[in-house]
Amino acid sequence: MKKYYLILLMAVTTTFAFGQIDGTWRVAPMAQSLAVGPAKGDFSWWAIDDANVQTRACLYDDTYVFNKDGSFENVMGSETWLEPWQGVASESCGAPVAPHDGSNTSMLWTYDATAGTVTLVGVGAHLALPKVTNGKEISDPKDAPASITYPVVLSPTNDTMTIDIDFGGGFWHFVLVKDGTSSVEDVEQDMFNVFPNPATDEITINSTESVDQVVIYDVTGKEVFSQVGVAANETINVATLNRGLYMIEVRSGVKKSTKRLVLN
């Protein structure tokens, strides 16, 4: 039965995921890559800033490995970020605590592109913060669930994964990047820059290429803005968009380049 279950999971993974999810991911080392609030896209309760990205370097070097055979790995190294529910006096870097220590070698993953979900199977399997599960935050390592399903939005270039997961009392927000990208801002960075970022009412696109079109997507992947024929250093009004995290895509001929855009 176990063998059949593994084969079934691998078949689903093969159907939906190759070229999209498989590979090694980590939390993007940037402000607002970890955030929480009462509703999706609302980070009013807490959001990590650049200083705390450095403080939590032991978390930002953790990797989440989606193998092509359907197996999943949490690679924690000698230290990760620990919280009091894991038995430490205060939040700090320390030795990973079971079962969220990568010791489970039977973890699996599937990606459903239609539903926009990643499911991790296996006690201890997690992305970003291990306490965050479906419908609750666990308060004891022994409460780690057998599986977690994460709603995910992939960037058009499939190297940025945005997660907004309902934990019952609000939404946690995670941004992950595939290895080879040190941060979301590094994705095809040589093609354009957007400033200011974070922005309020206006942004300016500065590109090394002629810009045919600028498209902005919200966290669900929905197109919320599009403009063609953008001139060099042209100012674009974004005041009508809701405050939050977006992906901005610049198109030049057959080339595309995507970056994170934050509206405050």
Protein backbone atom coordinates (compact mmCIF):
# COMPACT_ATOMS: atom_id res chain seq x y z
CA MET A 1 0.00 0.00 0.00
CA LYS A 2 2.78 2.41 0.90
CA LYS A 3 4.56 1.67 -2.38
CA TYR A 4 1.34 2.30 -4.33
CA TYR A 5 0.82 5.61 -2.50
CA LEU A 6 4.33 6.75 -3.39
CA ILE A 7 3.82 5.85 -7.06
CA LEU A 8 0.52 7.74 -7.11
CA LEU A 9 2.11 10.84 -5.60
CA MET A 10 4.95 10.68 -8.10
CA ALA A 11 2.45 10.43 -10.96
CA VAL A 12 0.62 13.55 -9.79
CA THR A 13 3.92 15.37 -9.36
CA THR A 14 5.04 14.42 -12.86
CA THR A 15 1.75 15.65 -14.33
CA PHE A 16 1.85 19.10 -12.80
CA ALA A 17 5.27 20.13 -11.60
CA PHE A 18 8.30 19.55 -13.76
CA GLY A 19 9.90 22.82 -14.78
CA GLN A 20 7.85 24.72 -12.22
CA ILE A 21 8.36 23.54 -8.63
CA ASP A 22 11.12 20.93 -8.71
CA GLY A 23 14.45 22.23 -7.46
CA THR A 24 15.86 23.86 -4.34
CA TRP A 25 14.12 26.83 -2.74
CA ARG A 26 14.72 29.11 0.22
CA VAL A 27 13.01 32.09 1.85
CA ALA A 28 13.86 35.22 -0.17
CA PRO A 29 16.40 37.33 1.77
CA MET A 30 14.42 40.56 1.68
CA ALA A 31 11.99 42.62 3.72
CA GLN A 32 8.40 41.28 3.85
CA SER A 33 9.43 37.77 2.81
CA LEU A 34 7.87 36.75 6.14
CA ALA A 35 4.75 38.62 7.23
CA VAL A 36 1.47 38.09 9.04
CA GLY A 37 -1.84 39.91 9.30
CA PRO A 38 -5.59 39.53 9.70
CA ALA A 39 -6.25 39.09 5.98
CA LYS A 40 -4.38 38.03 2.86
CA GLY A 41 -2.14 40.86 1.71
CA ASP A 42 -2.46 42.68 5.05
CA PHE A 43 0.90 42.68 6.88
CA SER A 44 -0.16 45.00 9.68
CA TRP A 45 0.63 42.58 12.53
CA TRP A 46 4.27 41.97 11.66
CA ALA A 47 6.62 41.87 8.68
CA ILE A 48 10.32 41.13 8.66
CA ASP A 49 12.60 44.05 7.79
CA ASP A 50 16.09 44.08 6.30
CA ALA A 51 17.78 44.14 9.72
CA ASN A 52 15.91 41.04 10.91
CA VAL A 53 16.74 39.22 7.69
CA GLN A 54 20.35 39.43 8.88
CA THR A 55 19.42 38.45 12.45
CA ARG A 56 17.65 35.36 11.15
CA ALA A 57 20.36 34.34 8.70
CA CYS A 58 20.17 30.82 10.15
CA LEU A 59 16.62 30.58 8.75
CA TYR A 60 17.38 32.18 5.41
CA ASP A 61 20.03 29.56 4.62
CA ASP A 62 17.56 26.68 5.17
CA THR A 63 16.59 25.01 1.90
CA TYR A 64 13.47 23.20 0.75
CA VAL A 65 14.28 20.57 -1.86
CA PHE A 66 11.59 19.33 -4.26
CA ASN A 67 13.17 16.28 -5.89
CA LYS A 68 11.92 15.06 -9.27
CA ASP A 69 11.15 11.63 -7.84
CA GLY A 70 8.46 13.16 -5.60
CA SER A 71 10.54 13.18 -2.44
CA PHE A 72 10.98 16.31 -0.33
CA GLU A 73 13.80 17.43 1.96
CA ASN A 74 14.14 20.08 4.64
CA VAL A 75 17.87 20.89 4.77
CA MET A 76 18.42 22.83 7.98
CA GLY A 77 22.18 22.71 8.54
CA SER A 78 23.55 22.99 12.06
CA GLU A 79 21.28 25.92 13.02
CA THR A 80 17.87 27.32 12.20
CA TRP A 81 15.54 29.90 13.77
CA LEU A 82 13.88 28.59 16.94
CA GLU A 83 10.91 29.89 18.92
CA PRO A 84 9.80 29.21 22.53
CA TRP A 85 7.27 26.56 21.48
CA GLN A 86 10.30 24.48 20.44
CA GLY A 87 11.72 24.51 23.97
CA VAL A 88 14.06 27.53 23.89
CA ALA A 89 13.89 30.48 26.29
CA SER A 90 13.57 33.06 23.52
CA GLU A 91 13.67 33.35 19.75
CA SER A 92 17.20 32.67 18.52
CA CYS A 93 19.36 30.57 16.23
CA GLY A 94 19.94 27.05 17.49
CA ALA A 95 20.13 23.38 16.59
CA PRO A 96 17.00 22.23 14.71
CA VAL A 97 14.37 20.54 16.87
CA ALA A 98 12.67 17.30 15.79
CA PRO A 99 10.53 16.65 13.89
CA HIS A 100 11.30 19.93 12.07
CA ASP A 101 14.98 19.07 11.72
CA GLY A 102 15.04 17.36 8.33
CA SER A 103 15.50 13.91 9.88
CA ASN A 104 12.38 12.43 8.25
CA THR A 105 13.66 10.79 5.07
CA SER A 106 10.21 9.74 3.84
CA MET A 107 8.72 13.14 3.07
CA LEU A 108 6.91 13.68 -0.23
CA TRP A 109 5.52 16.56 -2.25
CA THR A 110 2.90 17.23 -4.91
CA TYR A 111 1.98 20.35 -6.85
CA ASP A 112 -1.49 20.93 -8.30
CA ALA A 113 -1.14 23.68 -10.89
CA THR A 114 -4.90 23.93 -11.37
CA ALA A 115 -5.63 24.46 -7.68
CA GLY A 116 -2.41 26.42 -7.13
CA THR A 117 -1.32 24.32 -4.15
CA VAL A 118 1.76 22.51 -2.91
CA THR A 119 1.17 19.65 -0.48
CA LEU A 120 3.96 18.29 1.71
CA VAL A 121 3.43 14.82 3.18
CA GLY A 122 5.42 13.63 6.19
CA VAL A 123 5.68 14.72 9.82
CA GLY A 124 8.06 17.67 10.05
CA ALA A 125 7.84 18.67 6.39
CA HIS A 126 7.37 22.43 6.14
CA LEU A 127 8.13 25.63 4.25
CA ALA A 128 9.44 28.80 5.96
CA LEU A 129 8.05 28.63 9.52
CA PRO A 130 7.31 25.14 10.91
CA LYS A 131 4.62 26.36 13.33
CA VAL A 132 2.33 27.48 10.51
CA THR A 133 -0.11 24.77 9.43
CA ASN A 134 -3.59 24.64 7.90
CA GLY A 135 -6.02 26.24 10.28
CA LYS A 136 -3.67 26.76 13.24
CA GLU A 137 -0.22 27.48 14.56
CA ILE A 138 1.10 24.50 16.48
CA SER A 139 2.41 25.09 20.01
CA ASP A 140 4.29 21.82 20.55
CA PRO A 141 6.61 19.87 18.20
CA LYS A 142 4.53 16.76 18.94
CA ASP A 143 1.58 18.43 17.17
CA ALA A 144 3.31 18.51 13.78
CA PRO A 145 0.72 17.37 11.20
CA ALA A 146 1.11 14.52 8.75
CA SER A 147 0.68 16.93 5.81
CA ILE A 148 0.39 20.63 5.01
CA THR A 149 -1.13 22.19 1.90
CA TYR A 150 0.21 25.60 0.90
CA PRO A 151 -1.62 27.90 -1.55
CA VAL A 152 1.11 29.13 -3.91
CA VAL A 153 1.46 31.69 -6.68
CA LEU A 154 4.43 31.28 -9.02
CA SER A 155 6.00 34.22 -10.82
CA PRO A 156 5.83 34.13 -14.63
CA THR A 157 9.48 32.98 -14.62
CA ASN A 158 8.77 30.18 -12.10
CA ASP A 159 11.57 31.24 -9.77
CA THR A 160 9.54 33.05 -7.10
CA MET A 161 6.89 31.34 -4.97
CA THR A 162 4.43 33.45 -2.95
CA ILE A 163 2.43 31.72 -0.20
CA ASP A 164 -0.50 33.13 1.78
CA ILE A 165 -1.69 30.44 4.19
CA ASP A 166 -4.72 30.68 6.47
CA PHE A 167 -3.78 29.55 9.99
CA GLY A 168 -7.22 30.14 11.45
CA GLY A 169 -6.52 33.46 13.15
CA GLY A 170 -5.14 35.26 10.09
CA PHE A 171 -2.76 34.75 7.19
CA TRP A 172 0.97 34.12 7.12
CA HIS A 173 2.76 35.37 4.02
CA PHE A 174 5.96 33.75 2.72
CA VAL A 175 8.08 34.54 -0.35
CA LEU A 176 10.48 31.85 -1.55
CA VAL A 177 12.99 31.94 -4.40
CA LYS A 178 14.55 29.10 -6.33
CA ASP A 179 18.28 28.59 -5.88
CA GLY A 180 20.36 30.64 -8.28
CA THR A 181 18.35 33.72 -7.30
CA SER A 182 19.66 35.39 -4.14
CA SER A 183 16.52 37.55 -3.91
CA VAL A 184 13.49 38.44 -5.94
CA GLU A 185 15.15 41.66 -7.04
CA ASP A 186 17.94 39.65 -8.68
CA VAL A 187 15.61 37.96 -11.19
CA GLU A 188 16.84 39.16 -14.59
CA GLN A 189 18.00 42.32 -12.87
CA ASP A 190 20.01 43.49 -15.86
CA MET A 191 16.86 44.23 -17.87
CA PHE A 192 15.14 46.90 -15.73
CA ASN A 193 14.89 48.69 -12.40
CA VAL A 194 11.77 50.06 -10.75
CA PHE A 195 11.88 52.91 -8.27
CA PRO A 196 10.87 53.88 -5.70
CA ASN A 197 10.24 50.40 -4.32
CA PRO A 198 8.37 50.33 -1.96
CA ALA A 199 6.23 52.94 -3.71
CA THR A 200 3.09 54.93 -2.94
CA ASP A 201 1.44 56.58 -5.93
CA GLU A 202 3.97 56.48 -8.77
CA ILE A 203 6.78 54.28 -10.06
CA THR A 204 9.43 54.80 -12.72
CA ILE A 205 10.75 52.05 -14.99
CA ASN A 206 14.40 52.33 -15.99
CA SER A 207 15.37 49.69 -18.53
CA THR A 208 18.42 48.77 -20.58
CA GLU A 209 16.02 47.50 -23.28
CA SER A 210 13.19 49.18 -25.18
CA VAL A 211 10.01 48.50 -23.18
CA ASP A 212 7.04 47.16 -25.14
CA GLN A 213 4.74 46.53 -22.19
CA VAL A 214 4.58 46.75 -18.40
CA VAL A 215 2.24 44.34 -16.58
CA ILE A 216 1.52 44.20 -12.83
CA TYR A 217 0.12 41.06 -11.15
CA ASP A 218 -1.34 40.75 -7.65
CA VAL A 219 -0.42 37.91 -5.24
CA THR A 220 -3.02 35.61 -6.82
CA GLY A 221 -1.40 36.00 -10.24
CA LYS A 222 -4.24 38.19 -11.56
CA GLU A 223 -3.25 40.97 -13.96
CA VAL A 224 -4.23 44.29 -12.37
CA PHE A 225 -2.41 46.77 -14.62
CA SER A 226 -1.05 46.83 -18.14
CA GLN A 227 0.49 49.59 -20.23
CA VAL A 228 2.10 49.37 -23.67
CA GLY A 229 4.64 51.65 -25.30
CA VAL A 230 6.39 52.73 -22.12
CA ALA A 231 9.10 55.33 -22.72
CA ALA A 232 12.48 55.31 -20.98
CA ASN A 233 12.16 56.61 -17.40
CA GLU A 234 8.42 57.09 -17.83
CA THR A 235 6.41 57.58 -14.61
CA ILE A 236 3.48 55.19 -14.10
CA ASN A 237 0.61 55.99 -11.76
CA VAL A 238 -0.26 53.11 -9.40
CA ALA A 239 -2.34 55.06 -6.87
CA THR A 240 -5.51 53.13 -7.70
CA LEU A 241 -3.98 49.75 -6.75
CA ASN A 242 -4.50 48.33 -3.28
CA ARG A 243 -1.56 48.47 -0.91
CA GLY A 244 0.43 45.23 -0.77
CA LEU A 245 2.81 42.97 -2.69
CA TYR A 246 2.79 42.70 -6.48
CA MET A 247 4.93 41.27 -9.27
CA ILE A 248 5.84 43.71 -12.04
CA GLU A 249 6.77 42.29 -15.44
CA VAL A 250 8.53 44.20 -18.22
CA ARG A 251 8.33 42.83 -21.75
CA SER A 252 10.73 43.69 -24.56
CA GLY A 253 10.16 41.68 -27.72
CA VAL A 254 10.33 38.00 -26.70
CA LYS A 255 12.14 38.87 -23.46
CA LYS A 256 10.44 39.09 -20.08
CA SER A 257 11.77 40.21 -16.72
CA THR A 258 9.89 40.14 -13.42
CA LYS A 259 10.46 41.73 -10.02
CA ARG A 260 8.70 42.30 -6.73
CA LEU A 261 6.85 45.58 -6.23
CA VAL A 262 5.61 46.74 -2.82
CA LEU A 263 2.97 49.45 -2.50
CA ASN A 264 2.71 51.13 0.90
